[in-house]
Amino acid sequence: MVVLTANLKGISCGQPVTFRYKCDLDPAGIPQFGLVAEQVEKVNPNLVARDGEGKAYMVRYEAVNAMSLNEFLREHLRMNSRNARSRTWKRPLQSSKGISKRKFRLSAQASKTRQR
């Protein structure tokens, strides 16, 4: 087993397309969605299956799905980390605002005391 840190450019390559299989494969002609294997091959040759002549004929969606999931999890962790840092930065700001308010109240009370 290898951790997926490979080139993820293949995931976002190419334009999604709709197509229908030939009638002998799918008599109902249900529309299918996918990527063009030749476009994916140009970006990441590991994401396509090859025929007997070595030509790309099919996108390996199981590999694309695994890589997409890995990238999603990586991005999710990055966002959680960013949010945690943001919360940490806000705490000192909030506490300094509270200190400023207390200083203002104390100085207002002191000036009232002086005026008497």
Protein backbone atom coordinates (compact mmCIF):
# COMPACT_ATOMS: atom_id res chain seq x y z
CA MET A 1 0.00 0.00 0.00
CA VAL A 2 1.25 3.49 -0.90
CA VAL A 3 0.04 6.77 0.57
CA LEU A 4 -1.54 8.90 -2.15
CA THR A 5 0.62 11.97 -2.45
CA ALA A 6 0.98 11.63 -6.19
CA ASN A 7 0.36 14.28 -8.78
CA LEU A 8 -3.30 15.23 -8.42
CA LYS A 9 -3.49 17.30 -11.59
CA GLY A 10 -5.26 14.42 -13.33
CA ILE A 11 -8.35 14.93 -11.22
CA SER A 12 -9.13 18.36 -12.58
CA CYS A 13 -8.05 17.77 -16.14
CA GLY A 14 -10.38 17.86 -19.09
CA GLN A 15 -13.96 18.86 -19.46
CA PRO A 16 -16.66 16.51 -18.20
CA VAL A 17 -18.72 15.14 -21.08
CA THR A 18 -22.01 13.30 -21.54
CA PHE A 19 -22.26 10.31 -23.85
CA ARG A 20 -24.34 7.23 -24.59
CA TYR A 21 -23.09 3.69 -25.08
CA LYS A 22 -23.86 1.92 -28.35
CA CYS A 23 -27.27 0.24 -28.49
CA ASP A 24 -25.79 -3.26 -28.17
CA LEU A 25 -24.19 -2.28 -24.81
CA ASP A 26 -27.04 -0.14 -23.48
CA PRO A 27 -30.35 -0.55 -25.35
CA ALA A 28 -32.03 2.06 -23.10
CA GLY A 29 -29.47 4.68 -24.14
CA ILE A 30 -29.06 6.11 -20.66
CA PRO A 31 -26.87 9.24 -20.69
CA GLN A 32 -23.48 8.70 -19.04
CA PHE A 33 -21.10 11.29 -17.61
CA GLY A 34 -17.32 11.15 -17.60
CA LEU A 35 -13.97 12.40 -18.79
CA VAL A 36 -12.21 11.81 -22.11
CA ALA A 37 -9.42 9.27 -21.54
CA GLU A 38 -7.07 10.96 -24.01
CA GLN A 39 -7.31 14.28 -22.13
CA VAL A 40 -6.72 12.60 -18.77
CA GLU A 41 -3.76 10.67 -20.21
CA LYS A 42 -2.00 13.91 -21.18
CA VAL A 43 -2.10 15.13 -17.59
CA ASN A 44 -1.69 11.88 -15.65
CA PRO A 45 -1.10 8.65 -17.61
CA ASN A 46 -1.65 6.55 -14.46
CA LEU A 47 -5.35 7.42 -14.44
CA VAL A 48 -6.22 5.63 -17.69
CA ALA A 49 -6.54 1.97 -18.73
CA ARG A 50 -4.93 0.89 -22.00
CA ASP A 51 -6.01 -1.48 -24.72
CA GLY A 52 -3.85 -4.18 -26.34
CA GLU A 53 -2.14 -1.57 -28.52
CA GLY A 54 -1.25 0.63 -25.52
CA LYS A 55 -3.78 3.35 -26.38
CA ALA A 56 -5.80 4.98 -23.60
CA TYR A 57 -9.38 3.77 -23.87
CA MET A 58 -10.91 4.28 -20.40
CA VAL A 59 -10.51 6.51 -17.34
CA ARG A 60 -9.73 4.57 -14.18
CA TYR A 61 -12.44 6.19 -12.07
CA GLU A 62 -11.58 4.09 -9.02
CA ALA A 63 -8.15 5.80 -8.99
CA VAL A 64 -9.71 9.20 -9.64
CA ASN A 65 -12.19 8.64 -6.80
CA ALA A 66 -9.46 7.61 -4.35
CA MET A 67 -7.32 10.59 -5.29
CA SER A 68 -10.31 12.93 -5.06
CA LEU A 69 -11.14 11.63 -1.60
CA ASN A 70 -7.53 12.03 -0.52
CA GLU A 71 -7.46 15.61 -1.82
CA PHE A 72 -10.79 16.38 -0.12
CA LEU A 73 -9.50 15.07 3.22
CA ARG A 74 -6.27 17.04 2.86
CA GLU A 75 -8.22 20.23 2.11
CA HIS A 76 -10.61 19.53 5.02
CA LEU A 77 -7.68 19.18 7.44
CA ARG A 78 -6.10 22.35 6.05
CA MET A 79 -9.34 24.30 6.58
CA ASN A 80 -9.75 22.93 10.12
CA SER A 81 -6.20 23.99 10.90
CA ARG A 82 -6.84 27.44 9.43
CA ASN A 83 -10.04 27.81 11.48
CA ALA A 84 -8.24 26.74 14.67
CA ARG A 85 -5.52 29.35 14.06
CA SER A 86 -8.18 31.96 13.38
CA ARG A 87 -9.89 31.19 16.69
CA THR A 88 -6.54 31.43 18.48
CA TRP A 89 -5.86 34.83 16.95
CA LYS A 90 -9.33 36.10 17.88
CA ARG A 91 -8.92 35.25 21.58
CA PRO A 92 -6.11 37.76 22.22
CA LEU A 93 -8.00 40.37 20.23
CA GLN A 94 -11.18 39.81 22.21
CA SER A 95 -9.33 39.87 25.52
CA SER A 96 -7.48 43.06 24.54
CA LYS A 97 -10.82 44.66 23.62
CA GLY A 98 -12.09 43.71 27.05
CA ILE A 99 -9.00 45.23 28.67
CA SER A 100 -9.47 48.43 26.67
CA LYS A 101 -13.10 48.67 27.77
CA ARG A 102 -12.10 48.15 31.41
CA LYS A 103 -9.36 50.81 31.12
CA PHE A 104 -11.90 53.22 29.62
CA ARG A 105 -14.36 52.53 32.45
CA LEU A 106 -11.64 52.95 35.08
CA SER A 107 -10.41 56.18 33.54
CA ALA A 108 -14.00 57.48 33.35
CA GLN A 109 -14.52 56.61 37.03
CA ALA A 110 -11.21 58.27 37.95
CA SER A 111 -12.14 61.48 36.12
CA LYS A 112 -15.53 61.51 37.87
CA THR A 113 -13.76 61.09 41.22
CA ARG A 114 -11.36 63.96 40.40
CA GLN A 115 -14.24 66.24 39.45
CA ARG A 116 -15.91 65.80 42.86
